[in-house]
C-alpha atoms as a PDB file:
ATOM      1  CA  MET A   1       2.280  10.477  -5.449  1.00  0.00           C
ATOM      2  CA  ASP A   2       4.734   8.786  -3.087  1.00  0.00           C
ATOM      3  CA  THR A   3       2.738   7.508  -0.130  1.00  0.00           C
ATOM      4  CA  THR A   4       5.506   5.476   1.515  1.00  0.00           C
ATOM      5  CA  THR A   5       6.540   8.371   3.788  1.00  0.00           C
ATOM      6  CA  ARG A   6       3.007   9.016   5.039  1.00  0.00           C
ATOM      7  CA  ARG A   7       1.526   7.373   8.092  1.00  0.00           C
ATOM      8  CA  THR A   8      -1.520   5.317   7.166  1.00  0.00           C
ATOM      9  CA  LEU A   9      -4.915   5.398   8.851  1.00  0.00           C
ATOM     10  CA  TRP A  10      -7.812   3.024   8.132  1.00  0.00           C
ATOM     11  CA  ILE A  11     -11.279   4.192   9.145  1.00  0.00           C
ATOM     12  CA  THR A  12     -14.413   2.068   9.229  1.00  0.00           C
ATOM     13  CA  GLY A  13     -17.638   4.033   9.032  1.00  0.00           C
ATOM     14  CA  GLY A  14     -15.625   6.619   7.139  1.00  0.00           C
ATOM     15  CA  GLY A  15     -18.340   7.787   4.770  1.00  0.00           C
ATOM     16  CA  SER A  16     -20.282  10.081   7.079  1.00  0.00           C
ATOM     17  CA  GLY A  17     -20.455  11.795  10.441  1.00  0.00           C
ATOM     18  CA  MET A  18     -17.550  11.313  12.805  1.00  0.00           C
ATOM     19  CA  GLY A  19     -15.696   8.907  10.505  1.00  0.00           C
ATOM     20  CA  ARG A  20     -15.760  11.399   7.645  1.00  0.00           C
ATOM     21  CA  ALA A  21     -14.588  14.228   9.899  1.00  0.00           C
ATOM     22  CA  VAL A  22     -11.717  12.093  11.175  1.00  0.00           C
ATOM     23  CA  ALA A  23     -10.682  11.259   7.610  1.00  0.00           C
ATOM     24  CA  LEU A  24     -10.600  14.881   6.481  1.00  0.00           C
ATOM     25  CA  ALA A  25      -8.725  16.049   9.576  1.00  0.00           C
ATOM     26  CA  ALA A  26      -6.171  13.241   9.344  1.00  0.00           C
ATOM     27  CA  ALA A  27      -5.578  13.905   5.651  1.00  0.00           C
ATOM     28  CA  ARG A  28      -4.924  17.586   6.408  1.00  0.00           C
ATOM     29  CA  SER A  29      -2.320  16.447   8.948  1.00  0.00           C
ATOM     30  CA  GLY A  30      -0.523  14.356   6.345  1.00  0.00           C
ATOM     31  CA  TRP A  31      -1.934  10.893   6.925  1.00  0.00           C
ATOM     32  CA  ALA A  32      -2.740   8.588   4.028  1.00  0.00           C
ATOM     33  CA  VAL A  33      -6.344   7.611   4.654  1.00  0.00           C
ATOM     34  CA  ALA A  34      -8.266   4.457   3.735  1.00  0.00           C
ATOM     35  CA  LEU A  35     -12.031   4.723   4.164  1.00  0.00           C
ATOM     36  CA  SER A  36     -14.489   1.876   4.523  1.00  0.00           C
ATOM     37  CA  GLY A  37     -18.267   2.110   4.503  1.00  0.00           C
ATOM     38  CA  ARG A  38     -21.233   0.733   2.621  1.00  0.00           C
ATOM     39  CA  ARG A  39     -21.769   3.594   0.143  1.00  0.00           C
ATOM     40  CA  ARG A  40     -19.151   3.606  -2.586  1.00  0.00           C
ATOM     41  CA  ASP A  41     -20.223   6.956  -4.049  1.00  0.00           C
ATOM     42  CA  THR A  42     -19.946   8.718  -0.688  1.00  0.00           C
ATOM     43  CA  LEU A  43     -16.500   7.268  -0.021  1.00  0.00           C
ATOM     44  CA  GLU A  44     -15.257   8.215  -3.468  1.00  0.00           C
ATOM     45  CA  LYS A  45     -16.415  11.821  -3.008  1.00  0.00           C
ATOM     46  CA  ILE A  46     -14.349  12.062   0.165  1.00  0.00           C
ATOM     47  CA  VAL A  47     -11.354  10.512  -1.619  1.00  0.00           C
ATOM     48  CA  GLN A  48     -11.719  13.096  -4.384  1.00  0.00           C
ATOM     49  CA  GLU A  49     -11.877  15.906  -1.831  1.00  0.00           C
ATOM     50  CA  ILE A  50      -8.724  14.675  -0.104  1.00  0.00           C
ATOM     51  CA  SER A  51      -6.894  14.099  -3.371  1.00  0.00           C
ATOM     52  CA  ALA A  52      -7.814  17.566  -4.660  1.00  0.00           C
ATOM     53  CA  ALA A  53      -6.153  19.046  -1.577  1.00  0.00           C
ATOM     54  CA  GLY A  54      -2.961  17.084  -2.226  1.00  0.00           C
ATOM     55  CA  GLY A  55      -3.649  14.203   0.124  1.00  0.00           C
ATOM     56  CA  ALA A  56      -3.649  10.451  -0.370  1.00  0.00           C
ATOM     57  CA  ALA A  57      -6.817   8.433   0.123  1.00  0.00           C
ATOM     58  CA  LEU A  58      -8.371   5.101  -0.817  1.00  0.00           C
ATOM     59  CA  ALA A  59     -12.038   4.027  -0.875  1.00  0.00           C
ATOM     60  CA  LEU A  60     -12.724   0.486   0.322  1.00  0.00           C
ATOM     61  CA  PRO A  61     -16.505  -0.020   0.263  1.00  0.00           C
ATOM     62  CA  LEU A  62     -17.713  -2.915   2.390  1.00  0.00           C
ATOM     63  CA  ASP A  63     -20.151  -4.033   5.059  1.00  0.00           C
ATOM     64  CA  VAL A  64     -18.250  -4.337   8.349  1.00  0.00           C
ATOM     65  CA  ARG A  65     -20.211  -7.506   9.112  1.00  0.00           C
ATOM     66  CA  ASP A  66     -18.451  -9.216   6.167  1.00  0.00           C
ATOM     67  CA  ARG A  67     -15.351 -10.892   7.622  1.00  0.00           C
ATOM     68  CA  ASP A  68     -13.780 -11.781   4.291  1.00  0.00           C
ATOM     69  CA  ALA A  69     -14.235  -8.229   3.007  1.00  0.00           C
ATOM     70  CA  LEU A  70     -12.503  -6.812   6.087  1.00  0.00           C
ATOM     71  CA  THR A  71      -9.559  -9.163   5.700  1.00  0.00           C
ATOM     72  CA  ALA A  72      -9.210  -8.238   2.040  1.00  0.00           C
ATOM     73  CA  ALA A  73      -9.480  -4.533   2.858  1.00  0.00           C
ATOM     74  CA  ALA A  74      -6.694  -4.706   5.441  1.00  0.00           C
ATOM     75  CA  GLU A  75      -4.434  -6.360   2.874  1.00  0.00           C
ATOM     76  CA  GLN A  76      -5.327  -3.742   0.275  1.00  0.00           C
ATOM     77  CA  VAL A  77      -4.510  -0.886   2.650  1.00  0.00           C
ATOM     78  CA  VAL A  78      -1.048  -2.325   3.226  1.00  0.00           C
ATOM     79  CA  ALA A  79      -0.500  -3.104  -0.446  1.00  0.00           C
ATOM     80  CA  THR A  80      -1.450   0.453  -1.423  1.00  0.00           C
ATOM     81  CA  PHE A  81       0.266   2.459   1.300  1.00  0.00           C
ATOM     82  CA  GLY A  82       3.018   0.122   2.486  1.00  0.00           C
ATOM     83  CA  GLY A  83       1.717  -0.470   6.006  1.00  0.00           C
ATOM     84  CA  LEU A  84      -0.836   0.455   8.628  1.00  0.00           C
ATOM     85  CA  ASP A  85      -0.171   2.842  11.513  1.00  0.00           C
ATOM     86  CA  ALA A  86      -3.610   3.440  12.991  1.00  0.00           C
ATOM     87  CA  LEU A  87      -7.180   2.211  12.952  1.00  0.00           C
ATOM     88  CA  VAL A  88     -10.298   4.221  13.807  1.00  0.00           C
ATOM     89  CA  LEU A  89     -13.484   2.229  14.306  1.00  0.00           C
ATOM     90  CA  ALA A  90     -16.398   4.566  13.616  1.00  0.00           C
ATOM     91  CA  ALA A  91     -19.055   2.275  12.119  1.00  0.00           C
ATOM     92  CA  GLY A  92     -22.139   2.003  14.283  1.00  0.00           C
ATOM     93  CA  GLN A  93     -25.817   1.078  14.361  1.00  0.00           C
ATOM     94  CA  ASN A  94     -28.818   1.560  16.604  1.00  0.00           C
ATOM     95  CA  SER A  95     -32.584   1.191  16.275  1.00  0.00           C
ATOM     96  CA  PRO A  96     -35.562   3.324  17.321  1.00  0.00           C
ATOM     97  CA  ARG A  97     -36.902   0.159  18.999  1.00  0.00           C
ATOM     98  CA  ARG A  98     -34.681   0.050  22.061  1.00  0.00           C
ATOM     99  CA  ARG A  99     -36.645  -1.592  24.860  1.00  0.00           C
ATOM    100  CA  TRP A 100     -37.294  -5.233  25.726  1.00  0.00           C
ATOM    101  CA  GLU A 101     -40.972  -4.616  25.087  1.00  0.00           C
ATOM    102  CA  ASP A 102     -40.527  -3.518  21.465  1.00  0.00           C
ATOM    103  CA  GLN A 103     -37.150  -4.709  20.170  1.00  0.00           C
ATOM    104  CA  GLY A 104     -36.837  -7.757  17.948  1.00  0.00           C
ATOM    105  CA  MET A 105     -34.005 -10.261  18.216  1.00  0.00           C
ATOM    106  CA  GLU A 106     -33.139  -9.809  14.561  1.00  0.00           C
ATOM    107  CA  GLU A 107     -32.526  -6.104  15.180  1.00  0.00           C
ATOM    108  CA  PHE A 108     -30.647  -6.902  18.386  1.00  0.00           C
ATOM    109  CA  GLU A 109     -28.306  -9.238  16.536  1.00  0.00           C
ATOM    110  CA  SER A 110     -27.719  -6.702  13.759  1.00  0.00           C
ATOM    111  CA  VAL A 111     -26.785  -3.946  16.228  1.00  0.00           C
ATOM    112  CA  VAL A 112     -24.419  -6.238  18.131  1.00  0.00           C
ATOM    113  CA  ALA A 113     -22.919  -7.539  14.886  1.00  0.00           C
ATOM    114  CA  THR A 114     -22.140  -3.998  13.742  1.00  0.00           C
ATOM    115  CA  ASN A 115     -21.085  -2.425  17.036  1.00  0.00           C
ATOM    116  CA  LEU A 116     -19.187  -5.309  18.615  1.00  0.00           C
ATOM    117  CA  THR A 117     -18.502  -8.329  16.416  1.00  0.00           C
ATOM    118  CA  ALA A 118     -17.373  -6.159  13.490  1.00  0.00           C
ATOM    119  CA  VAL A 119     -15.027  -4.258  15.804  1.00  0.00           C
ATOM    120  CA  ALA A 120     -13.387  -7.518  16.845  1.00  0.00           C
ATOM    121  CA  THR A 121     -13.250  -8.751  13.247  1.00  0.00           C
ATOM    122  CA  THR A 122     -11.673  -5.532  12.004  1.00  0.00           C
ATOM    123  CA  LEU A 123      -9.116  -5.635  14.798  1.00  0.00           C
ATOM    124  CA  ASP A 124      -8.291  -9.235  13.964  1.00  0.00           C
ATOM    125  CA  ALA A 125      -7.652  -8.270  10.346  1.00  0.00           C
ATOM    126  CA  ALA A 126      -5.624  -5.155  11.205  1.00  0.00           C
ATOM    127  CA  LEU A 127      -3.555  -6.340  14.178  1.00  0.00           C
ATOM    128  CA  PRO A 128      -0.789  -8.179  12.297  1.00  0.00           C
ATOM    129  CA  HIS A 129      -0.076  -4.945  10.411  1.00  0.00           C
ATOM    130  CA  LEU A 130      -0.435  -2.674  13.448  1.00  0.00           C
ATOM    131  CA  ARG A 131       2.038  -4.803  15.377  1.00  0.00           C
ATOM    132  CA  ARG A 132       4.712  -4.180  12.768  1.00  0.00           C
ATOM    133  CA  ARG A 133       4.509  -0.417  13.324  1.00  0.00           C
ATOM    134  CA  GLY A 134       3.409  -0.136  16.929  1.00  0.00           C
ATOM    135  CA  GLY A 135       0.073   1.188  15.762  1.00  0.00           C
ATOM    136  CA  ALA A 136      -2.793   2.950  17.516  1.00  0.00           C
ATOM    137  CA  VAL A 137      -6.487   2.041  17.694  1.00  0.00           C
ATOM    138  CA  VAL A 138      -9.372   4.381  18.516  1.00  0.00           C
ATOM    139  CA  ALA A 139     -12.796   2.821  18.950  1.00  0.00           C
ATOM    140  CA  ILE A 140     -15.429   5.552  18.719  1.00  0.00           C
ATOM    141  CA  SER A 141     -17.845   4.098  21.212  1.00  0.00           C
ATOM    142  CA  SER A 142     -20.449   6.052  23.154  1.00  0.00           C
ATOM    143  CA  TYR A 143     -21.326   7.737  26.422  1.00  0.00           C
ATOM    144  CA  ALA A 144     -23.412   4.569  26.863  1.00  0.00           C
ATOM    145  CA  GLY A 145     -20.193   2.541  26.736  1.00  0.00           C
ATOM    146  CA  TRP A 146     -18.884   4.499  29.712  1.00  0.00           C
ATOM    147  CA  SER A 147     -21.965   4.844  31.924  1.00  0.00           C
ATOM    148  CA  PHE A 148     -25.464   3.428  31.822  1.00  0.00           C
ATOM    149  CA  GLN A 149     -27.790   5.545  29.665  1.00  0.00           C
ATOM    150  CA  PRO A 150     -31.419   4.332  29.863  1.00  0.00           C
ATOM    151  CA  GLY A 151     -32.391   5.764  26.495  1.00  0.00           C
ATOM    152  CA  ALA A 152     -29.532   4.235  24.523  1.00  0.00           C
ATOM    153  CA  GLY A 153     -31.207   0.871  24.122  1.00  0.00           C
ATOM    154  CA  VAL A 154     -30.642  -2.722  25.179  1.00  0.00           C
ATOM    155  CA  ALA A 155     -28.543  -3.849  22.210  1.00  0.00           C
ATOM    156  CA  TYR A 156     -26.632  -0.594  21.814  1.00  0.00           C
ATOM    157  CA  SER A 157     -25.720  -0.332  25.500  1.00  0.00           C
ATOM    158  CA  ALA A 158     -24.634  -3.954  25.682  1.00  0.00           C
ATOM    159  CA  SER A 159     -22.497  -3.734  22.546  1.00  0.00           C
ATOM    160  CA  LYS A 160     -20.812  -0.435  23.422  1.00  0.00           C
ATOM    161  CA  THR A 161     -20.053  -1.557  26.974  1.00  0.00           C
ATOM    162  CA  ALA A 162     -18.386  -4.658  25.551  1.00  0.00           C
ATOM    163  CA  VAL A 163     -16.199  -2.534  23.251  1.00  0.00           C
ATOM    164  CA  SER A 164     -14.544  -1.215  26.417  1.00  0.00           C
ATOM    165  CA  SER A 165     -13.437  -4.760  27.231  1.00  0.00           C
ATOM    166  CA  LEU A 166     -12.027  -5.241  23.741  1.00  0.00           C
ATOM    167  CA  MET A 167      -9.891  -2.110  24.130  1.00  0.00           C
ATOM    168  CA  ARG A 168      -8.710  -3.218  27.558  1.00  0.00           C
ATOM    169  CA  THR A 169      -7.608  -6.592  26.232  1.00  0.00           C
ATOM    170  CA  LEU A 170      -5.682  -4.890  23.441  1.00  0.00           C
ATOM    171  CA  ASN A 171      -3.850  -2.682  25.894  1.00  0.00           C
ATOM    172  CA  GLN A 172      -3.121  -5.566  28.251  1.00  0.00           C
ATOM    173  CA  GLN A 173      -1.969  -8.031  25.591  1.00  0.00           C
ATOM    174  CA  GLU A 174      -0.565  -5.938  22.740  1.00  0.00           C
ATOM    175  CA  ALA A 175       1.540  -3.313  24.546  1.00  0.00           C
ATOM    176  CA  VAL A 176       4.518  -5.608  24.015  1.00  0.00           C
ATOM    177  CA  HIS A 177       4.138  -4.864  20.290  1.00  0.00           C
ATOM    178  CA  GLY A 178       3.731  -1.121  20.857  1.00  0.00           C
ATOM    179  CA  VAL A 179       0.010  -1.241  20.077  1.00  0.00           C
ATOM    180  CA  ARG A 180      -2.152   1.147  22.122  1.00  0.00           C
ATOM    181  CA  ALA A 181      -5.929   1.443  22.134  1.00  0.00           C
ATOM    182  CA  CYS A 182      -8.405   4.112  23.217  1.00  0.00           C
ATOM    183  CA  HIS A 183     -12.058   3.622  24.117  1.00  0.00           C
ATOM    184  CA  LEU A 184     -13.476   6.996  23.055  1.00  0.00           C
ATOM    185  CA  CYS A 185     -16.894   7.740  24.540  1.00  0.00           C
ATOM    186  CA  PRO A 186     -18.672  10.775  23.071  1.00  0.00           C
ATOM    187  CA  GLY A 187     -21.855  12.199  24.469  1.00  0.00           C
ATOM    188  CA  ASP A 188     -24.431  13.721  22.138  1.00  0.00           C
ATOM    189  CA  VAL A 189     -23.008  14.503  18.697  1.00  0.00           C
ATOM    190  CA  ALA A 190     -24.971  16.312  15.995  1.00  0.00           C
ATOM    191  CA  THR A 191     -24.691  13.836  13.104  1.00  0.00           C
ATOM    192  CA  ASP A 192     -27.109  11.824  10.968  1.00  0.00           C
ATOM    193  CA  PHE A 193     -26.872   9.037  13.562  1.00  0.00           C
ATOM    194  CA  LEU A 194     -29.489  10.976  15.529  1.00  0.00           C
ATOM    195  CA  GLU A 195     -32.037   9.914  12.912  1.00  0.00           C
ATOM    196  CA  GLN A 196     -32.032   6.484  14.582  1.00  0.00           C
ATOM    197  CA  ARG A 197     -33.489   7.828  17.837  1.00  0.00           C
ATOM    198  CA  PRO A 198     -37.146   7.229  18.791  1.00  0.00           C
ATOM    199  CA  GLN A 199     -37.571  11.024  19.021  1.00  0.00           C
ATOM    200  CA  VAL A 200     -35.248  12.788  16.616  1.00  0.00           C
ATOM    201  CA  PRO A 201     -33.728  15.971  18.140  1.00  0.00           C
ATOM    202  CA  ASP A 202     -34.636  19.252  16.502  1.00  0.00           C
ATOM    203  CA  GLU A 203     -32.182  21.906  15.328  1.00  0.00           C
ATOM    204  CA  ALA A 204     -32.238  23.746  18.643  1.00  0.00           C
ATOM    205  CA  ALA A 205     -31.205  20.593  20.493  1.00  0.00           C
ATOM    206  CA  ARG A 206     -28.511  19.758  17.936  1.00  0.00           C
ATOM    207  CA  ALA A 207     -27.008  23.226  18.281  1.00  0.00           C
ATOM    208  CA  LEU A 208     -26.042  22.367  21.870  1.00  0.00           C
ATOM    209  CA  MET A 209     -24.360  19.080  20.950  1.00  0.00           C
ATOM    210  CA  LEU A 210     -20.804  18.219  20.002  1.00  0.00           C
ATOM    211  CA  THR A 211     -19.912  18.334  16.320  1.00  0.00           C
ATOM    212  CA  ALA A 212     -18.233  15.653  14.249  1.00  0.00           C
ATOM    213  CA  GLU A 213     -15.235  17.992  14.039  1.00  0.00           C
ATOM    214  CA  ASP A 214     -14.985  18.031  17.849  1.00  0.00           C
ATOM    215  CA  ILE A 215     -14.617  14.257  17.745  1.00  0.00           C
ATOM    216  CA  ALA A 216     -12.060  14.473  14.932  1.00  0.00           C
ATOM    217  CA  ARG A 217      -9.887  16.812  17.019  1.00  0.00           C
ATOM    218  CA  THR A 218     -10.133  14.394  19.927  1.00  0.00           C
ATOM    219  CA  VAL A 219      -9.128  11.435  17.769  1.00  0.00           C
ATOM    220  CA  GLU A 220      -6.226  13.460  16.413  1.00  0.00           C
ATOM    221  CA  PHE A 221      -5.058  14.160  19.971  1.00  0.00           C
ATOM    222  CA  VAL A 222      -4.976  10.436  20.698  1.00  0.00           C
ATOM    223  CA  LEU A 223      -3.240   9.486  17.446  1.00  0.00           C
ATOM    224  CA  GLU A 224      -0.654  12.264  17.726  1.00  0.00           C
ATOM    225  CA  SER A 225       0.292  11.452  21.315  1.00  0.00           C
ATOM    226  CA  PRO A 226       3.882  10.143  21.707  1.00  0.00           C
ATOM    227  CA  ALA A 227       4.361   6.401  21.314  1.00  0.00           C
ATOM    228  CA  HIS A 228       4.934   5.967  25.058  1.00  0.00           C
ATOM    229  CA  VAL A 229       1.571   7.603  25.863  1.00  0.00           C
ATOM    230  CA  ARG A 230      -1.606   5.523  25.955  1.00  0.00           C
ATOM    231  CA  VAL A 231      -5.024   7.122  26.349  1.00  0.00           C
ATOM    232  CA  ASP A 232      -6.955   4.116  27.631  1.00  0.00           C
ATOM    233  CA  GLU A 233     -10.365   5.763  27.779  1.00  0.00           C
ATOM    234  CA  LEU A 234     -11.549   9.265  26.999  1.00  0.00           C
ATOM    235  CA  VAL A 235     -15.000  10.731  27.602  1.00  0.00           C
ATOM    236  CA  ILE A 236     -16.061  13.882  25.761  1.00  0.00           C
ATOM    237  CA  SER A 237     -19.450  15.494  26.147  1.00  0.00           C
ATOM    238  CA  PRO A 238     -21.226  18.763  25.425  1.00  0.00           C
ATOM    239  CA  LEU A 239     -21.723  21.177  28.306  1.00  0.00           C
ATOM    240  CA  SER A 240     -25.450  20.405  28.180  1.00  0.00           C
ATOM    241  CA  GLN A 241     -25.068  16.598  28.477  1.00  0.00           C
ATOM    242  CA  ALA A 242     -27.577  15.215  30.948  1.00  0.00           C
END
């Protein structure tokens, strides 16, 4: 299949939840999709699903905390699809131990490494390619990256708030290359990420939340906006969000 005429999207955290939903929606809209995540089998199932529907997809299993793996993945995306038009950063981590009184510094460092340092590392690997095409970046952050949420946790809140600054620096420094970035801040979303909460929501609570597909539609809105339009920050929440 000729992929040179397709726009190319690279998604980290693409194996589940919001990342998976973004991948499937983008593929339906004609994007060539590269998916990164830690579980090779999960990524390959999504690639098979996209390919069976006539789309183009590539599985790039990795840990986003591995700088060399991210650099190699960016090069492989470009080698396979001919370039890179957009990046969606959906990988994330939290811990049930979220307070100063019970968190450990090892957990703190792991959350920050996944939610913040890996975002910067992925951007560093992708930017040379995004500059060539005036590409778009969407960082799927959190309601806690937009406003203080006491239950989100020390490490999670700190890391997601800092992602906002990364997106602002991109928009301030990279607009000259046509690069535009969005800090996307969802409220409660009914995905497996909820399993990391101290009290896991039940089905009744999840039924009131956003879905991964709601986030995918929002990402698609940002990516499909005209090149002169920049959505700096976007907050989306369920009607029931406290």
